[in-house]
Amino acid sequence: MANVTTSSAGNTPFVRLNSDSATNYSGTILEGNGTAAQSGRRSNNSQGVPIGGTFVGSSTTEPYMLEANFMSYGNSNVYKTVISRYGRAGAETEADVGMWRSNSAITSMEIRNDGGANFNAGSTFTIWGILCA
């Protein structure tokens, strides 16, 4: 995700997988802004895998970059782990790890915000996969 801003501040981005709205998601968030550091945990979440924390979306005008890696996305024998990194120049950085407790291969993703904010025009989302990795 690049050049991302949202319509209101303070929204945590999530990725809902395969339209699963059950409490099958969890995540741990580590973040800092040069002055303060914090961590958080979301367990048995129904919104999706968290790929950002409270600092993400703290500005509606300053864009941020976010990369999320979905491990073993095509494997139907393991739960799916997600590792994400986020940064906003001169403001903050973050590292997250999340899990979707399902053995299903990932066939769809919905990127959403917990506060219901929309992504602003100009936000860019790119997805790619690695075959036979």
C-alpha atoms as a PDB file:
ATOM      1  CA  MET A   1       0.000   0.000   0.000  1.00  0.00           C
ATOM      2  CA  ALA A   2       1.486   3.368  -0.984  1.00  0.00           C
ATOM      3  CA  ASN A   3       0.443   7.008  -0.676  1.00  0.00           C
ATOM      4  CA  VAL A   4      -2.358   5.879   1.635  1.00  0.00           C
ATOM      5  CA  THR A   5      -4.513   8.373   3.524  1.00  0.00           C
ATOM      6  CA  THR A   6      -7.967   7.895   5.030  1.00  0.00           C
ATOM      7  CA  SER A   7     -11.078  10.052   5.345  1.00  0.00           C
ATOM      8  CA  SER A   8     -10.755  10.227   9.151  1.00  0.00           C
ATOM      9  CA  ALA A   9      -7.813   9.740  11.518  1.00  0.00           C
ATOM     10  CA  GLY A  10      -7.178   6.915  13.988  1.00  0.00           C
ATOM     11  CA  ASN A  11      -8.256   3.913  11.924  1.00  0.00           C
ATOM     12  CA  THR A  12      -6.457   0.574  12.048  1.00  0.00           C
ATOM     13  CA  PRO A  13      -6.256  -1.209   8.690  1.00  0.00           C
ATOM     14  CA  PHE A  14      -7.260  -4.888   8.584  1.00  0.00           C
ATOM     15  CA  VAL A  15      -7.386  -7.521   5.869  1.00  0.00           C
ATOM     16  CA  ARG A  16     -10.402  -9.846   5.907  1.00  0.00           C
ATOM     17  CA  LEU A  17      -9.634 -13.111   4.098  1.00  0.00           C
ATOM     18  CA  ASN A  18     -12.072 -15.209   2.080  1.00  0.00           C
ATOM     19  CA  SER A  19     -15.001 -13.161   3.499  1.00  0.00           C
ATOM     20  CA  ASP A  20     -14.447 -14.818   6.904  1.00  0.00           C
ATOM     21  CA  SER A  21     -16.169 -12.670   9.554  1.00  0.00           C
ATOM     22  CA  ALA A  22     -15.759 -15.172  12.419  1.00  0.00           C
ATOM     23  CA  THR A  23     -13.337 -14.599  15.317  1.00  0.00           C
ATOM     24  CA  ASN A  24     -10.461 -16.370  13.537  1.00  0.00           C
ATOM     25  CA  TYR A  25      -7.956 -13.490  13.473  1.00  0.00           C
ATOM     26  CA  SER A  26      -5.273 -12.319  15.893  1.00  0.00           C
ATOM     27  CA  GLY A  27      -2.303  -9.998  15.823  1.00  0.00           C
ATOM     28  CA  THR A  28       0.508  -8.376  17.786  1.00  0.00           C
ATOM     29  CA  ILE A  29       1.557  -4.786  17.080  1.00  0.00           C
ATOM     30  CA  LEU A  30       4.855  -3.032  17.981  1.00  0.00           C
ATOM     31  CA  GLU A  31       5.075   0.684  17.186  1.00  0.00           C
ATOM     32  CA  GLY A  32       7.048   3.798  17.991  1.00  0.00           C
ATOM     33  CA  ASN A  33       7.345   7.433  16.968  1.00  0.00           C
ATOM     34  CA  GLY A  34      10.769   8.447  18.329  1.00  0.00           C
ATOM     35  CA  THR A  35       9.282   9.660  21.612  1.00  0.00           C
ATOM     36  CA  ALA A  36       6.917   6.890  22.660  1.00  0.00           C
ATOM     37  CA  ALA A  37       6.681   3.173  22.006  1.00  0.00           C
ATOM     38  CA  GLN A  38       3.788   0.833  22.551  1.00  0.00           C
ATOM     39  CA  SER A  39       2.557  -2.625  21.764  1.00  0.00           C
ATOM     40  CA  GLY A  40      -0.839  -4.176  21.499  1.00  0.00           C
ATOM     41  CA  ARG A  41      -2.549  -7.491  20.969  1.00  0.00           C
ATOM     42  CA  ARG A  42      -5.839  -8.338  19.309  1.00  0.00           C
ATOM     43  CA  SER A  43      -7.137 -11.832  19.923  1.00  0.00           C
ATOM     44  CA  ASN A  44     -10.194 -13.591  18.524  1.00  0.00           C
ATOM     45  CA  ASN A  45     -10.889 -10.651  16.253  1.00  0.00           C
ATOM     46  CA  SER A  46     -13.615 -10.797  13.586  1.00  0.00           C
ATOM     47  CA  GLN A  47     -12.512  -7.725  11.591  1.00  0.00           C
ATOM     48  CA  GLY A  48      -9.521  -9.379   9.939  1.00  0.00           C
ATOM     49  CA  VAL A  49      -5.757  -9.589  10.318  1.00  0.00           C
ATOM     50  CA  PRO A  50      -4.506  -6.256  11.699  1.00  0.00           C
ATOM     51  CA  ILE A  51      -1.778  -4.804   9.477  1.00  0.00           C
ATOM     52  CA  GLY A  52      -1.368  -1.557  11.397  1.00  0.00           C
ATOM     53  CA  GLY A  53      -1.975  -0.086  14.808  1.00  0.00           C
ATOM     54  CA  THR A  54      -3.097   3.143  16.414  1.00  0.00           C
ATOM     55  CA  PHE A  55      -0.438   5.313  14.748  1.00  0.00           C
ATOM     56  CA  VAL A  56      -1.512   4.213  11.258  1.00  0.00           C
ATOM     57  CA  GLY A  57      -4.022   6.633   9.865  1.00  0.00           C
ATOM     58  CA  SER A  58      -3.200   9.229  12.530  1.00  0.00           C
ATOM     59  CA  SER A  59      -3.146  11.841   9.753  1.00  0.00           C
ATOM     60  CA  THR A  60      -5.704  12.348   6.987  1.00  0.00           C
ATOM     61  CA  THR A  61      -3.244  14.302   4.834  1.00  0.00           C
ATOM     62  CA  GLU A  62       0.229  12.766   5.314  1.00  0.00           C
ATOM     63  CA  PRO A  63       0.472   9.525   3.315  1.00  0.00           C
ATOM     64  CA  TYR A  64       2.026   6.333   4.639  1.00  0.00           C
ATOM     65  CA  MET A  65       3.548   3.170   3.158  1.00  0.00           C
ATOM     66  CA  LEU A  66       2.577  -0.311   4.331  1.00  0.00           C
ATOM     67  CA  GLU A  67       3.753  -3.749   3.212  1.00  0.00           C
ATOM     68  CA  ALA A  68       2.052  -6.976   4.302  1.00  0.00           C
ATOM     69  CA  ASN A  69       3.426 -10.439   3.483  1.00  0.00           C
ATOM     70  CA  PHE A  70       0.981 -13.354   3.615  1.00  0.00           C
ATOM     71  CA  MET A  71       2.921 -16.562   4.213  1.00  0.00           C
ATOM     72  CA  SER A  72       1.850 -19.827   2.573  1.00  0.00           C
ATOM     73  CA  TYR A  73      -1.233 -18.122   1.068  1.00  0.00           C
ATOM     74  CA  GLY A  74      -1.949 -21.055  -1.264  1.00  0.00           C
ATOM     75  CA  ASN A  75      -1.247 -23.846   1.234  1.00  0.00           C
ATOM     76  CA  SER A  76      -4.348 -25.647   2.505  1.00  0.00           C
ATOM     77  CA  ASN A  77      -2.535 -27.426   5.364  1.00  0.00           C
ATOM     78  CA  VAL A  78      -1.491 -24.536   7.632  1.00  0.00           C
ATOM     79  CA  TYR A  79      -2.881 -21.414   9.326  1.00  0.00           C
ATOM     80  CA  LYS A  80      -1.892 -18.218   7.490  1.00  0.00           C
ATOM     81  CA  THR A  81       0.668 -15.878   9.077  1.00  0.00           C
ATOM     82  CA  VAL A  82       0.940 -12.223   8.049  1.00  0.00           C
ATOM     83  CA  ILE A  83       3.992 -10.030   8.692  1.00  0.00           C
ATOM     84  CA  SER A  84       3.580  -6.324   7.993  1.00  0.00           C
ATOM     85  CA  ARG A  85       5.711  -3.187   8.237  1.00  0.00           C
ATOM     86  CA  TYR A  86       4.483   0.379   8.191  1.00  0.00           C
ATOM     87  CA  GLY A  87       6.206   3.742   8.127  1.00  0.00           C
ATOM     88  CA  ARG A  88       5.480   7.405   7.724  1.00  0.00           C
ATOM     89  CA  ALA A  89       8.549   9.581   7.069  1.00  0.00           C
ATOM     90  CA  GLY A  90       9.660  11.500  10.147  1.00  0.00           C
ATOM     91  CA  ALA A  91       6.667  10.338  12.166  1.00  0.00           C
ATOM     92  CA  GLU A  92       6.493   6.671  13.139  1.00  0.00           C
ATOM     93  CA  THR A  93       7.285   3.066  12.313  1.00  0.00           C
ATOM     94  CA  GLU A  94       5.610  -0.205  13.113  1.00  0.00           C
ATOM     95  CA  ALA A  95       6.003  -3.987  12.834  1.00  0.00           C
ATOM     96  CA  ASP A  96       3.070  -6.400  13.103  1.00  0.00           C
ATOM     97  CA  VAL A  97       2.500 -10.122  13.016  1.00  0.00           C
ATOM     98  CA  GLY A  98      -0.948 -11.609  12.547  1.00  0.00           C
ATOM     99  CA  MET A  99      -2.653 -14.930  11.995  1.00  0.00           C
ATOM    100  CA  TRP A 100      -5.756 -16.184  10.272  1.00  0.00           C
ATOM    101  CA  ARG A 101      -6.723 -19.450  11.931  1.00  0.00           C
ATOM    102  CA  SER A 102      -7.875 -21.275   8.816  1.00  0.00           C
ATOM    103  CA  ASN A 103      -6.341 -23.979   6.654  1.00  0.00           C
ATOM    104  CA  SER A 104      -8.075 -22.649   3.530  1.00  0.00           C
ATOM    105  CA  ALA A 105      -5.994 -21.226   0.712  1.00  0.00           C
ATOM    106  CA  ILE A 106      -6.450 -17.446   0.447  1.00  0.00           C
ATOM    107  CA  THR A 107      -8.700 -16.697  -2.517  1.00  0.00           C
ATOM    108  CA  SER A 108      -9.888 -13.160  -1.668  1.00  0.00           C
ATOM    109  CA  MET A 109      -8.804 -10.160   0.424  1.00  0.00           C
ATOM    110  CA  GLU A 110     -10.789  -7.176   1.636  1.00  0.00           C
ATOM    111  CA  ILE A 111      -8.746  -4.256   2.982  1.00  0.00           C
ATOM    112  CA  ARG A 112     -10.779  -2.332   5.555  1.00  0.00           C
ATOM    113  CA  ASN A 113     -10.466   0.136   8.456  1.00  0.00           C
ATOM    114  CA  ASP A 114     -11.831  -0.596  11.926  1.00  0.00           C
ATOM    115  CA  GLY A 115     -13.310   2.904  12.225  1.00  0.00           C
ATOM    116  CA  GLY A 116     -15.148   2.622   8.917  1.00  0.00           C
ATOM    117  CA  ALA A 117     -13.077   5.350   7.240  1.00  0.00           C
ATOM    118  CA  ASN A 118     -12.639   5.249   3.487  1.00  0.00           C
ATOM    119  CA  PHE A 119      -9.281   5.263   1.755  1.00  0.00           C
ATOM    120  CA  ASN A 120      -8.777   8.582  -0.016  1.00  0.00           C
ATOM    121  CA  ALA A 121      -8.383   8.945  -3.778  1.00  0.00           C
ATOM    122  CA  GLY A 122      -4.742   8.510  -4.765  1.00  0.00           C
ATOM    123  CA  SER A 123      -4.118   5.608  -2.360  1.00  0.00           C
ATOM    124  CA  THR A 124      -2.409   2.772  -4.230  1.00  0.00           C
ATOM    125  CA  PHE A 125      -2.729  -0.959  -3.518  1.00  0.00           C
ATOM    126  CA  THR A 126      -0.589  -3.572  -5.271  1.00  0.00           C
ATOM    127  CA  ILE A 127      -0.777  -7.344  -4.863  1.00  0.00           C
ATOM    128  CA  TRP A 128       1.537 -10.022  -6.200  1.00  0.00           C
ATOM    129  CA  GLY A 129       2.262 -13.657  -5.472  1.00  0.00           C
ATOM    130  CA  ILE A 130       5.242 -15.940  -5.778  1.00  0.00           C
ATOM    131  CA  LEU A 131       4.525 -19.183  -7.588  1.00  0.00           C
ATOM    132  CA  CYS A 132       6.178 -22.317  -6.160  1.00  0.00           C
ATOM    133  CA  ALA A 133       8.057 -20.498  -3.424  1.00  0.00           C
END
